[in-house]
Amino acid sequence: MVVLGGTGFVGRHLVARLLQGGHRVTVLSRGFDPTKRDLKPKGASLIEGDVSNPDFLAAVLDDADAVVNLIGILNEKGDRGDGFERVFVGITDSLVGAMKRMGVRRLLQMSALNAGRGESHYLKARGRAEQLVRASGLEWTLFRPSVIAGPGDGLFCRFDALLRFAPALPIGRAEAKFQPVWVDDVAEAFVRALDEPRSIGESYDLVGPDVMTLRQIVRLAARARGRHRAVIGLPPSLGQLQANVGEWLPGKPISRDNWRSLQLDSVSFEDGLRRLGLTPTPVEPRVSTILNG
């Protein structure tokens, strides 16, 4: 089993679960920071290299029976879409080619809810990557999560950092809807699909049991710390302005492309977790665990 992106947020949970299930796991990394020892997958092999290089991929796929592609970014440098295109479409294209070359058939691919919809570069690139996978002729399964919650996430933890010193937090699209899904549920969905032949050629929307607005998510992050913070919903013009400014701030707390993505609610009536025999985990009672994890 080869996992691309196995040192990332979801990857660490998935690799641990795969190892627990007795799988032999090789994690591919574009570059591992030795100072971040807690990210190193214990019990898995770690190989560093250019994951966009078909020859490198072919070499490490020599004795693989399946591949999981979790590689992704939330922001790109600039706002042209080429960063998302390179990571999502380019790497997927190289991976599909290498798998065909080496005769590896099984591919589990991470995507996102709303992939291919709207004006966001991120979502457009996710959609094009899905098209490559669907047309590959491989034994593929696609996973399309809403925002993923868990210790160290980019959701509650991100707002926790912003709320630390701010007495109030203005946000655009405060009523945008999400269905946060617990990270261990996402990892378990991959494992279930790996052992389920009926998942081949299927896509699974991975969502939690509760729909939350962006405003509610921010308030939950504040309450979990015992903080009293005002959440100020901005009108569209000011929300767009906030994104334009955030584009140039360190770490891009919000970008123009985030703003485009926010125009679509990240919810689904199709419960992929239950289709895989899983009961979605409520996220709200676990916010304190997320922030203290």
C-alpha atoms as a PDB file:
ATOM      1  CA  MET A   1       0.000   0.000   0.000  1.00  0.00           C
ATOM      2  CA  VAL A   2       1.444   3.376  -1.075  1.00  0.00           C
ATOM      3  CA  VAL A   3       0.069   6.600   0.422  1.00  0.00           C
ATOM      4  CA  LEU A   4       0.767   9.988  -1.136  1.00  0.00           C
ATOM      5  CA  GLY A   5       0.356  12.762   1.439  1.00  0.00           C
ATOM      6  CA  GLY A   6       0.609  10.380   4.399  1.00  0.00           C
ATOM      7  CA  THR A   7       2.308  12.938   6.665  1.00  0.00           C
ATOM      8  CA  GLY A   8      -0.581  15.399   6.364  1.00  0.00           C
ATOM      9  CA  PHE A   9      -3.598  15.921   8.615  1.00  0.00           C
ATOM     10  CA  VAL A  10      -5.763  13.104   7.233  1.00  0.00           C
ATOM     11  CA  GLY A  11      -2.771  11.034   6.198  1.00  0.00           C
ATOM     12  CA  ARG A  12      -1.437  10.566   9.726  1.00  0.00           C
ATOM     13  CA  HIS A  13      -4.794   9.209  10.884  1.00  0.00           C
ATOM     14  CA  LEU A  14      -5.196   6.972   7.842  1.00  0.00           C
ATOM     15  CA  VAL A  15      -1.677   5.543   7.979  1.00  0.00           C
ATOM     16  CA  ALA A  16      -2.128   4.678  11.665  1.00  0.00           C
ATOM     17  CA  ARG A  17      -5.427   2.955  10.880  1.00  0.00           C
ATOM     18  CA  LEU A  18      -3.916   1.015   7.952  1.00  0.00           C
ATOM     19  CA  LEU A  19      -1.027  -0.176  10.106  1.00  0.00           C
ATOM     20  CA  GLN A  20      -3.459  -1.199  12.810  1.00  0.00           C
ATOM     21  CA  GLY A  21      -5.260  -3.304  10.213  1.00  0.00           C
ATOM     22  CA  GLY A  22      -2.055  -5.137   9.297  1.00  0.00           C
ATOM     23  CA  HIS A  23      -1.286  -3.351   6.021  1.00  0.00           C
ATOM     24  CA  ARG A  24       2.287  -2.730   4.932  1.00  0.00           C
ATOM     25  CA  VAL A  25       2.423   1.013   4.219  1.00  0.00           C
ATOM     26  CA  THR A  26       4.875   3.156   2.266  1.00  0.00           C
ATOM     27  CA  VAL A  27       4.392   6.900   2.649  1.00  0.00           C
ATOM     28  CA  LEU A  28       5.590   9.227  -0.091  1.00  0.00           C
ATOM     29  CA  SER A  29       6.575  12.747   0.895  1.00  0.00           C
ATOM     30  CA  ARG A  30       7.751  15.731  -1.123  1.00  0.00           C
ATOM     31  CA  GLY A  31      10.072  16.578   1.771  1.00  0.00           C
ATOM     32  CA  PHE A  32      10.011  15.668   5.434  1.00  0.00           C
ATOM     33  CA  ASP A  33      10.984  18.202   8.099  1.00  0.00           C
ATOM     34  CA  PRO A  34      13.077  16.273  10.674  1.00  0.00           C
ATOM     35  CA  THR A  35      12.137  18.830  13.353  1.00  0.00           C
ATOM     36  CA  LYS A  36       8.537  17.660  13.112  1.00  0.00           C
ATOM     37  CA  ARG A  37       9.150  14.185  14.464  1.00  0.00           C
ATOM     38  CA  ASP A  38       5.533  13.725  15.506  1.00  0.00           C
ATOM     39  CA  LEU A  39       4.557  13.746  11.824  1.00  0.00           C
ATOM     40  CA  LYS A  40       6.814  10.826  10.941  1.00  0.00           C
ATOM     41  CA  PRO A  41       4.653   7.727  10.373  1.00  0.00           C
ATOM     42  CA  LYS A  42       5.592   5.137  13.013  1.00  0.00           C
ATOM     43  CA  GLY A  43       5.709   1.646  11.554  1.00  0.00           C
ATOM     44  CA  ALA A  44       5.520   2.823   7.935  1.00  0.00           C
ATOM     45  CA  SER A  45       8.290   3.268   5.395  1.00  0.00           C
ATOM     46  CA  LEU A  46       8.926   6.875   4.387  1.00  0.00           C
ATOM     47  CA  ILE A  47      10.323   7.741   0.966  1.00  0.00           C
ATOM     48  CA  GLU A  48      11.071  11.319  -0.061  1.00  0.00           C
ATOM     49  CA  GLY A  49      10.953  12.383  -3.664  1.00  0.00           C
ATOM     50  CA  ASP A  50       9.201  14.324  -6.384  1.00  0.00           C
ATOM     51  CA  VAL A  51       5.669  12.920  -6.365  1.00  0.00           C
ATOM     52  CA  SER A  52       4.923  14.701  -9.646  1.00  0.00           C
ATOM     53  CA  ASN A  53       7.666  12.703 -11.407  1.00  0.00           C
ATOM     54  CA  PRO A  54       6.195   9.632 -13.175  1.00  0.00           C
ATOM     55  CA  ASP A  55       9.551   7.795 -13.061  1.00  0.00           C
ATOM     56  CA  PHE A  56       9.867   8.263  -9.285  1.00  0.00           C
ATOM     57  CA  LEU A  57       6.275   7.113  -8.809  1.00  0.00           C
ATOM     58  CA  ALA A  58       6.785   4.070 -11.019  1.00  0.00           C
ATOM     59  CA  ALA A  59       9.856   3.052  -9.019  1.00  0.00           C
ATOM     60  CA  VAL A  60       8.074   3.169  -5.653  1.00  0.00           C
ATOM     61  CA  LEU A  61       4.996   1.408  -7.044  1.00  0.00           C
ATOM     62  CA  ASP A  62       7.023  -1.626  -8.035  1.00  0.00           C
ATOM     63  CA  ASP A  63       5.423  -3.988  -5.493  1.00  0.00           C
ATOM     64  CA  ALA A  64       2.321  -1.979  -4.478  1.00  0.00           C
ATOM     65  CA  ASP A  65      -1.163  -3.494  -4.514  1.00  0.00           C
ATOM     66  CA  ALA A  66      -3.060  -0.198  -3.998  1.00  0.00           C
ATOM     67  CA  VAL A  67      -2.482   3.555  -3.870  1.00  0.00           C
ATOM     68  CA  VAL A  68      -4.100   6.291  -1.785  1.00  0.00           C
ATOM     69  CA  ASN A  69      -3.715   9.868  -3.045  1.00  0.00           C
ATOM     70  CA  LEU A  70      -4.277  12.427  -0.284  1.00  0.00           C
ATOM     71  CA  ILE A  71      -2.006  15.169  -1.587  1.00  0.00           C
ATOM     72  CA  GLY A  72      -3.612  18.579  -1.494  1.00  0.00           C
ATOM     73  CA  ILE A  73      -3.243  22.252  -0.632  1.00  0.00           C
ATOM     74  CA  LEU A  74      -5.792  24.767   0.645  1.00  0.00           C
ATOM     75  CA  ASN A  75      -4.077  27.854  -0.775  1.00  0.00           C
ATOM     76  CA  GLU A  76      -1.760  28.548  -3.659  1.00  0.00           C
ATOM     77  CA  LYS A  77       0.825  31.233  -4.285  1.00  0.00           C
ATOM     78  CA  GLY A  78      -0.963  33.991  -6.149  1.00  0.00           C
ATOM     79  CA  ASP A  79      -4.469  33.635  -7.514  1.00  0.00           C
ATOM     80  CA  ARG A  80      -4.147  32.190 -11.001  1.00  0.00           C
ATOM     81  CA  GLY A  81      -5.121  28.588 -10.342  1.00  0.00           C
ATOM     82  CA  ASP A  82      -1.838  27.115 -11.582  1.00  0.00           C
ATOM     83  CA  GLY A  83      -0.814  26.028  -8.067  1.00  0.00           C
ATOM     84  CA  PHE A  84      -3.993  23.985  -7.615  1.00  0.00           C
ATOM     85  CA  GLU A  85      -3.690  22.683 -11.178  1.00  0.00           C
ATOM     86  CA  ARG A  86      -0.152  21.467 -10.544  1.00  0.00           C
ATOM     87  CA  VAL A  87      -0.962  19.734  -7.238  1.00  0.00           C
ATOM     88  CA  PHE A  88      -4.364  18.239  -7.999  1.00  0.00           C
ATOM     89  CA  VAL A  89      -4.377  17.665 -11.754  1.00  0.00           C
ATOM     90  CA  GLY A  90      -0.664  17.328 -12.506  1.00  0.00           C
ATOM     91  CA  ILE A  91       0.138  14.880  -9.717  1.00  0.00           C
ATOM     92  CA  THR A  92      -3.008  12.844 -10.370  1.00  0.00           C
ATOM     93  CA  ASP A  93      -2.106  12.613 -14.057  1.00  0.00           C
ATOM     94  CA  SER A  94       1.431  11.460 -13.213  1.00  0.00           C
ATOM     95  CA  LEU A  95       0.109   8.956 -10.682  1.00  0.00           C
ATOM     96  CA  VAL A  96      -2.450   7.443 -13.051  1.00  0.00           C
ATOM     97  CA  GLY A  97       0.248   7.063 -15.726  1.00  0.00           C
ATOM     98  CA  ALA A  98       2.677   5.427 -13.301  1.00  0.00           C
ATOM     99  CA  MET A  99       0.016   3.039 -11.994  1.00  0.00           C
ATOM    100  CA  LYS A 100      -0.881   1.922 -15.524  1.00  0.00           C
ATOM    101  CA  ARG A 101       2.803   1.498 -16.362  1.00  0.00           C
ATOM    102  CA  MET A 102       3.394  -0.705 -13.296  1.00  0.00           C
ATOM    103  CA  GLY A 103       0.126  -2.622 -13.487  1.00  0.00           C
ATOM    104  CA  VAL A 104      -1.239  -1.291 -10.169  1.00  0.00           C
ATOM    105  CA  ARG A 105      -5.017  -1.187 -10.448  1.00  0.00           C
ATOM    106  CA  ARG A 106      -6.513   0.056  -7.159  1.00  0.00           C
ATOM    107  CA  LEU A 107      -6.681   3.830  -6.514  1.00  0.00           C
ATOM    108  CA  LEU A 108      -8.374   5.636  -3.633  1.00  0.00           C
ATOM    109  CA  GLN A 109      -8.468   9.364  -4.379  1.00  0.00           C
ATOM    110  CA  MET A 110      -9.265  12.243  -2.046  1.00  0.00           C
ATOM    111  CA  SER A 111     -11.409  14.977  -3.569  1.00  0.00           C
ATOM    112  CA  ALA A 112     -13.838  17.490  -2.054  1.00  0.00           C
ATOM    113  CA  LEU A 113     -17.527  18.296  -1.907  1.00  0.00           C
ATOM    114  CA  ASN A 114     -18.485  20.624  -4.771  1.00  0.00           C
ATOM    115  CA  ALA A 115     -15.514  19.486  -6.859  1.00  0.00           C
ATOM    116  CA  GLY A 116     -15.952  20.876 -10.363  1.00  0.00           C
ATOM    117  CA  ARG A 117     -18.615  23.378  -9.320  1.00  0.00           C
ATOM    118  CA  GLY A 118     -18.528  27.164  -8.965  1.00  0.00           C
ATOM    119  CA  GLU A 119     -15.751  29.630  -9.744  1.00  0.00           C
ATOM    120  CA  SER A 120     -13.098  28.555  -7.228  1.00  0.00           C
ATOM    121  CA  HIS A 121      -9.734  27.521  -8.721  1.00  0.00           C
ATOM    122  CA  TYR A 122      -9.482  24.942  -5.927  1.00  0.00           C
ATOM    123  CA  LEU A 123     -12.816  23.323  -6.756  1.00  0.00           C
ATOM    124  CA  LYS A 124     -12.249  23.475 -10.510  1.00  0.00           C
ATOM    125  CA  ALA A 125      -8.897  21.695 -10.158  1.00  0.00           C
ATOM    126  CA  ARG A 126     -10.449  19.085  -7.851  1.00  0.00           C
ATOM    127  CA  GLY A 127     -13.087  18.483 -10.510  1.00  0.00           C
ATOM    128  CA  ARG A 128     -10.523  18.056 -13.288  1.00  0.00           C
ATOM    129  CA  ALA A 129      -8.591  15.578 -11.118  1.00  0.00           C
ATOM    130  CA  GLU A 130     -11.817  13.608 -10.640  1.00  0.00           C
ATOM    131  CA  GLN A 131     -12.312  13.505 -14.405  1.00  0.00           C
ATOM    132  CA  LEU A 132      -8.822  12.042 -14.854  1.00  0.00           C
ATOM    133  CA  VAL A 133      -9.526   9.360 -12.258  1.00  0.00           C
ATOM    134  CA  ARG A 134     -12.923   8.446 -13.729  1.00  0.00           C
ATOM    135  CA  ALA A 135     -11.430   8.126 -17.223  1.00  0.00           C
ATOM    136  CA  SER A 136      -8.339   6.224 -16.072  1.00  0.00           C
ATOM    137  CA  GLY A 137      -9.640   2.688 -16.469  1.00  0.00           C
ATOM    138  CA  LEU A 138      -8.291   1.921 -12.985  1.00  0.00           C
ATOM    139  CA  GLU A 139     -10.273   0.431 -10.105  1.00  0.00           C
ATOM    140  CA  TRP A 140     -10.909   3.795  -8.480  1.00  0.00           C
ATOM    141  CA  THR A 141     -12.897   5.150  -5.546  1.00  0.00           C
ATOM    142  CA  LEU A 142     -13.416   8.879  -4.911  1.00  0.00           C
ATOM    143  CA  PHE A 143     -13.986  10.521  -1.517  1.00  0.00           C
ATOM    144  CA  ARG A 144     -15.597  13.969  -1.324  1.00  0.00           C
ATOM    145  CA  PRO A 145     -15.554  15.309   2.243  1.00  0.00           C
ATOM    146  CA  SER A 146     -16.979  18.513   3.607  1.00  0.00           C
ATOM    147  CA  VAL A 147     -14.587  20.322   5.959  1.00  0.00           C
ATOM    148  CA  ILE A 148     -12.663  17.787   8.071  1.00  0.00           C
ATOM    149  CA  ALA A 149     -12.469  18.290  11.843  1.00  0.00           C
ATOM    150  CA  GLY A 150      -9.980  16.883  14.333  1.00  0.00           C
ATOM    151  CA  PRO A 151      -6.970  17.868  16.469  1.00  0.00           C
ATOM    152  CA  GLY A 152      -4.735  20.167  14.441  1.00  0.00           C
ATOM    153  CA  ASP A 153      -7.361  20.821  11.765  1.00  0.00           C
ATOM    154  CA  GLY A 154      -7.645  23.842   9.502  1.00  0.00           C
ATOM    155  CA  LEU A 155     -11.137  24.674  10.731  1.00  0.00           C
ATOM    156  CA  PHE A 156     -11.674  25.029  14.481  1.00  0.00           C
ATOM    157  CA  CYS A 157      -7.933  25.361  15.161  1.00  0.00           C
ATOM    158  CA  ARG A 158      -7.642  28.058  12.520  1.00  0.00           C
ATOM    159  CA  PHE A 159     -10.405  30.144  14.086  1.00  0.00           C
ATOM    160  CA  ASP A 160      -9.034  29.444  17.560  1.00  0.00           C
ATOM    161  CA  ALA A 161      -5.797  31.171  16.562  1.00  0.00           C
ATOM    162  CA  LEU A 162      -7.668  34.152  15.085  1.00  0.00           C
ATOM    163  CA  LEU A 163      -9.867  34.492  18.195  1.00  0.00           C
ATOM    164  CA  ARG A 164      -7.004  34.431  20.671  1.00  0.00           C
ATOM    165  CA  PHE A 165      -6.498  38.185  20.707  1.00  0.00           C
ATOM    166  CA  ALA A 166      -9.452  39.558  18.722  1.00  0.00           C
ATOM    167  CA  PRO A 167     -12.439  40.798  20.765  1.00  0.00           C
ATOM    168  CA  ALA A 168     -14.591  40.407  17.648  1.00  0.00           C
ATOM    169  CA  LEU A 169     -14.202  38.550  14.378  1.00  0.00           C
ATOM    170  CA  PRO A 170     -15.755  39.894  11.174  1.00  0.00           C
ATOM    171  CA  ILE A 171     -16.408  37.161   8.600  1.00  0.00           C
ATOM    172  CA  GLY A 172     -17.856  37.090   5.122  1.00  0.00           C
ATOM    173  CA  ARG A 173     -20.541  34.549   4.208  1.00  0.00           C
ATOM    174  CA  ALA A 174     -21.256  33.960   7.904  1.00  0.00           C
ATOM    175  CA  GLU A 175     -24.308  31.882   6.982  1.00  0.00           C
ATOM    176  CA  ALA A 176     -22.439  29.553   4.614  1.00  0.00           C
ATOM    177  CA  LYS A 177     -23.270  25.957   5.587  1.00  0.00           C
ATOM    178  CA  PHE A 178     -20.919  23.067   6.296  1.00  0.00           C
ATOM    179  CA  GLN A 179     -21.199  19.487   7.547  1.00  0.00           C
ATOM    180  CA  PRO A 180     -17.929  18.977   9.425  1.00  0.00           C
ATOM    181  CA  VAL A 181     -16.818  15.349   9.292  1.00  0.00           C
ATOM    182  CA  TRP A 182     -14.653  13.744  11.972  1.00  0.00           C
ATOM    183  CA  VAL A 183     -11.139  12.913  10.715  1.00  0.00           C
ATOM    184  CA  ASP A 184     -11.187   9.341  12.047  1.00  0.00           C
ATOM    185  CA  ASP A 185     -14.435   8.723  10.147  1.00  0.00           C
ATOM    186  CA  VAL A 186     -12.703   9.846   6.960  1.00  0.00           C
ATOM    187  CA  ALA A 187      -9.771   7.509   7.622  1.00  0.00           C
ATOM    188  CA  GLU A 188     -12.120   4.622   8.375  1.00  0.00           C
ATOM    189  CA  ALA A 189     -14.047   5.285   5.145  1.00  0.00           C
ATOM    190  CA  PHE A 190     -10.856   4.747   3.131  1.00  0.00           C
ATOM    191  CA  VAL A 191     -10.123   1.514   4.991  1.00  0.00           C
ATOM    192  CA  ARG A 192     -13.667   0.190   4.508  1.00  0.00           C
ATOM    193  CA  ALA A 193     -13.612   1.024   0.796  1.00  0.00           C
ATOM    194  CA  LEU A 194     -10.231  -0.650   0.348  1.00  0.00           C
ATOM    195  CA  ASP A 195     -11.719  -3.973   1.429  1.00  0.00           C
ATOM    196  CA  GLU A 196     -15.078  -3.493  -0.313  1.00  0.00           C
ATOM    197  CA  PRO A 197     -15.185  -4.465  -4.023  1.00  0.00           C
ATOM    198  CA  ARG A 198     -18.536  -2.700  -4.410  1.00  0.00           C
ATOM    199  CA  SER A 199     -16.798   0.631  -3.773  1.00  0.00           C
ATOM    200  CA  ILE A 200     -14.911   0.393  -7.069  1.00  0.00           C
ATOM    201  CA  GLY A 201     -16.196   3.012  -9.483  1.00  0.00           C
ATOM    202  CA  GLU A 202     -18.076   4.827  -6.705  1.00  0.00           C
ATOM    203  CA  SER A 203     -17.762   8.274  -5.120  1.00  0.00           C
ATOM    204  CA  TYR A 204     -18.640   8.930  -1.487  1.00  0.00           C
ATOM    205  CA  ASP A 205     -19.697  12.259  -0.004  1.00  0.00           C
ATOM    206  CA  LEU A 206     -18.261  12.249   3.518  1.00  0.00           C
ATOM    207  CA  VAL A 207     -20.237  14.482   5.873  1.00  0.00           C
ATOM    208  CA  GLY A 208     -20.976  14.692   9.577  1.00  0.00           C
ATOM    209  CA  PRO A 209     -24.459  14.428  11.093  1.00  0.00           C
ATOM    210  CA  ASP A 210     -24.823  18.169  11.793  1.00  0.00           C
ATOM    211  CA  VAL A 211     -25.105  21.136   9.446  1.00  0.00           C
ATOM    212  CA  MET A 212     -23.374  24.230  10.854  1.00  0.00           C
ATOM    213  CA  THR A 213     -23.035  27.769   9.571  1.00  0.00           C
ATOM    214  CA  LEU A 214     -19.645  29.430   9.491  1.00  0.00           C
ATOM    215  CA  ARG A 215     -20.889  31.717  12.273  1.00  0.00           C
ATOM    216  CA  GLN A 216     -21.760  28.696  14.444  1.00  0.00           C
ATOM    217  CA  ILE A 217     -18.360  27.130  13.831  1.00  0.00           C
ATOM    218  CA  VAL A 218     -16.579  30.295  14.982  1.00  0.00           C
ATOM    219  CA  ARG A 219     -18.775  30.544  18.074  1.00  0.00           C
ATOM    220  CA  LEU A 220     -18.114  26.900  18.957  1.00  0.00           C
ATOM    221  CA  ALA A 221     -14.365  27.527  18.764  1.00  0.00           C
ATOM    222  CA  ALA A 222     -14.721  30.549  21.071  1.00  0.00           C
ATOM    223  CA  ARG A 223     -16.958  28.798  23.604  1.00  0.00           C
ATOM    224  CA  ALA A 224     -14.651  25.796  23.826  1.00  0.00           C
ATOM    225  CA  ARG A 225     -11.995  28.168  25.227  1.00  0.00           C
ATOM    226  CA  GLY A 226     -14.432  30.015  27.472  1.00  0.00           C
ATOM    227  CA  ARG A 227     -14.080  33.126  25.356  1.00  0.00           C
ATOM    228  CA  HIS A 228     -16.811  35.642  24.666  1.00  0.00           C
ATOM    229  CA  ARG A 229     -16.328  36.932  21.155  1.00  0.00           C
ATOM    230  CA  ALA A 230     -18.640  38.817  18.821  1.00  0.00           C
ATOM    231  CA  VAL A 231     -18.983  37.292  15.355  1.00  0.00           C
ATOM    232  CA  ILE A 232     -19.824  39.980  12.835  1.00  0.00           C
ATOM    233  CA  GLY A 233     -21.305  38.864   9.531  1.00  0.00           C
ATOM    234  CA  LEU A 234     -20.088  41.047   6.675  1.00  0.00           C
ATOM    235  CA  PRO A 235     -22.162  42.033   3.644  1.00  0.00           C
ATOM    236  CA  PRO A 236     -20.883  40.575   0.348  1.00  0.00           C
ATOM    237  CA  SER A 237     -18.952  43.690  -0.668  1.00  0.00           C
ATOM    238  CA  LEU A 238     -17.011  43.782   2.610  1.00  0.00           C
ATOM    239  CA  GLY A 239     -16.564  40.011   2.581  1.00  0.00           C
ATOM    240  CA  GLN A 240     -14.944  40.303  -0.828  1.00  0.00           C
ATOM    241  CA  LEU A 241     -12.770  43.170   0.440  1.00  0.00           C
ATOM    242  CA  GLN A 242     -11.702  41.076   3.435  1.00  0.00           C
ATOM    243  CA  ALA A 243     -10.660  38.271   1.062  1.00  0.00           C
ATOM    244  CA  ASN A 244      -8.727  40.722  -1.127  1.00  0.00           C
ATOM    245  CA  VAL A 245      -6.794  41.927   1.928  1.00  0.00           C
ATOM    246  CA  GLY A 246      -6.350  38.424   3.365  1.00  0.00           C
ATOM    247  CA  GLU A 247      -4.762  37.349   0.078  1.00  0.00           C
ATOM    248  CA  TRP A 248      -1.660  39.356   1.048  1.00  0.00           C
ATOM    249  CA  LEU A 249      -1.478  38.530   4.769  1.00  0.00           C
ATOM    250  CA  PRO A 250       0.967  35.914   6.128  1.00  0.00           C
ATOM    251  CA  GLY A 251      -0.617  32.469   6.046  1.00  0.00           C
ATOM    252  CA  LYS A 252      -3.598  33.741   4.018  1.00  0.00           C
ATOM    253  CA  PRO A 253      -6.236  33.580   6.798  1.00  0.00           C
ATOM    254  CA  ILE A 254      -8.705  34.014   3.934  1.00  0.00           C
ATOM    255  CA  SER A 255      -7.984  34.320   0.225  1.00  0.00           C
ATOM    256  CA  ARG A 256      -9.889  35.318  -2.875  1.00  0.00           C
ATOM    257  CA  ASP A 257     -10.246  31.665  -3.762  1.00  0.00           C
ATOM    258  CA  ASN A 258     -11.537  30.802  -0.278  1.00  0.00           C
ATOM    259  CA  TRP A 259     -14.187  33.468  -0.873  1.00  0.00           C
ATOM    260  CA  ARG A 260     -15.179  31.856  -4.165  1.00  0.00           C
ATOM    261  CA  SER A 261     -15.457  28.451  -2.473  1.00  0.00           C
ATOM    262  CA  LEU A 262     -17.617  29.945   0.287  1.00  0.00           C
ATOM    263  CA  GLN A 263     -20.282  30.862  -2.252  1.00  0.00           C
ATOM    264  CA  LEU A 264     -21.297  27.171  -2.298  1.00  0.00           C
ATOM    265  CA  ASP A 265     -22.603  25.440   0.825  1.00  0.00           C
ATOM    266  CA  SER A 266     -20.480  22.399   1.673  1.00  0.00           C
ATOM    267  CA  VAL A 267     -23.338  20.013   2.518  1.00  0.00           C
ATOM    268  CA  SER A 268     -24.709  16.810   1.015  1.00  0.00           C
ATOM    269  CA  PHE A 269     -27.879  14.765   1.208  1.00  0.00           C
ATOM    270  CA  GLU A 270     -25.856  11.673   0.243  1.00  0.00           C
ATOM    271  CA  ASP A 271     -24.314  10.047   3.330  1.00  0.00           C
ATOM    272  CA  GLY A 272     -21.243   8.199   2.103  1.00  0.00           C
ATOM    273  CA  LEU A 273     -20.223   7.127   5.581  1.00  0.00           C
ATOM    274  CA  ARG A 274     -23.452   5.203   6.112  1.00  0.00           C
ATOM    275  CA  ARG A 275     -23.105   3.639   2.662  1.00  0.00           C
ATOM    276  CA  LEU A 276     -19.816   2.226   3.939  1.00  0.00           C
ATOM    277  CA  GLY A 277     -21.429   0.963   7.148  1.00  0.00           C
ATOM    278  CA  LEU A 278     -20.235   3.816   9.370  1.00  0.00           C
ATOM    279  CA  THR A 279     -22.207   6.009  11.763  1.00  0.00           C
ATOM    280  CA  PRO A 280     -21.065   9.655  11.398  1.00  0.00           C
ATOM    281  CA  THR A 281     -19.471  11.069  14.552  1.00  0.00           C
ATOM    282  CA  PRO A 282     -20.925  14.348  15.933  1.00  0.00           C
ATOM    283  CA  VAL A 283     -18.207  16.996  15.905  1.00  0.00           C
ATOM    284  CA  GLU A 284     -19.711  19.609  18.244  1.00  0.00           C
ATOM    285  CA  PRO A 285     -19.079  17.646  21.508  1.00  0.00           C
ATOM    286  CA  ARG A 286     -15.450  17.171  20.444  1.00  0.00           C
ATOM    287  CA  VAL A 287     -14.431  20.789  19.825  1.00  0.00           C
ATOM    288  CA  SER A 288     -12.549  21.027  23.139  1.00  0.00           C
ATOM    289  CA  THR A 289     -10.676  17.834  22.256  1.00  0.00           C
ATOM    290  CA  ILE A 290      -9.837  19.313  18.862  1.00  0.00           C
ATOM    291  CA  LEU A 291      -8.414  22.509  20.330  1.00  0.00           C
ATOM    292  CA  ASN A 292      -6.487  20.752  23.099  1.00  0.00           C
ATOM    293  CA  GLY A 293      -5.306  17.826  21.012  1.00  0.00           C
END
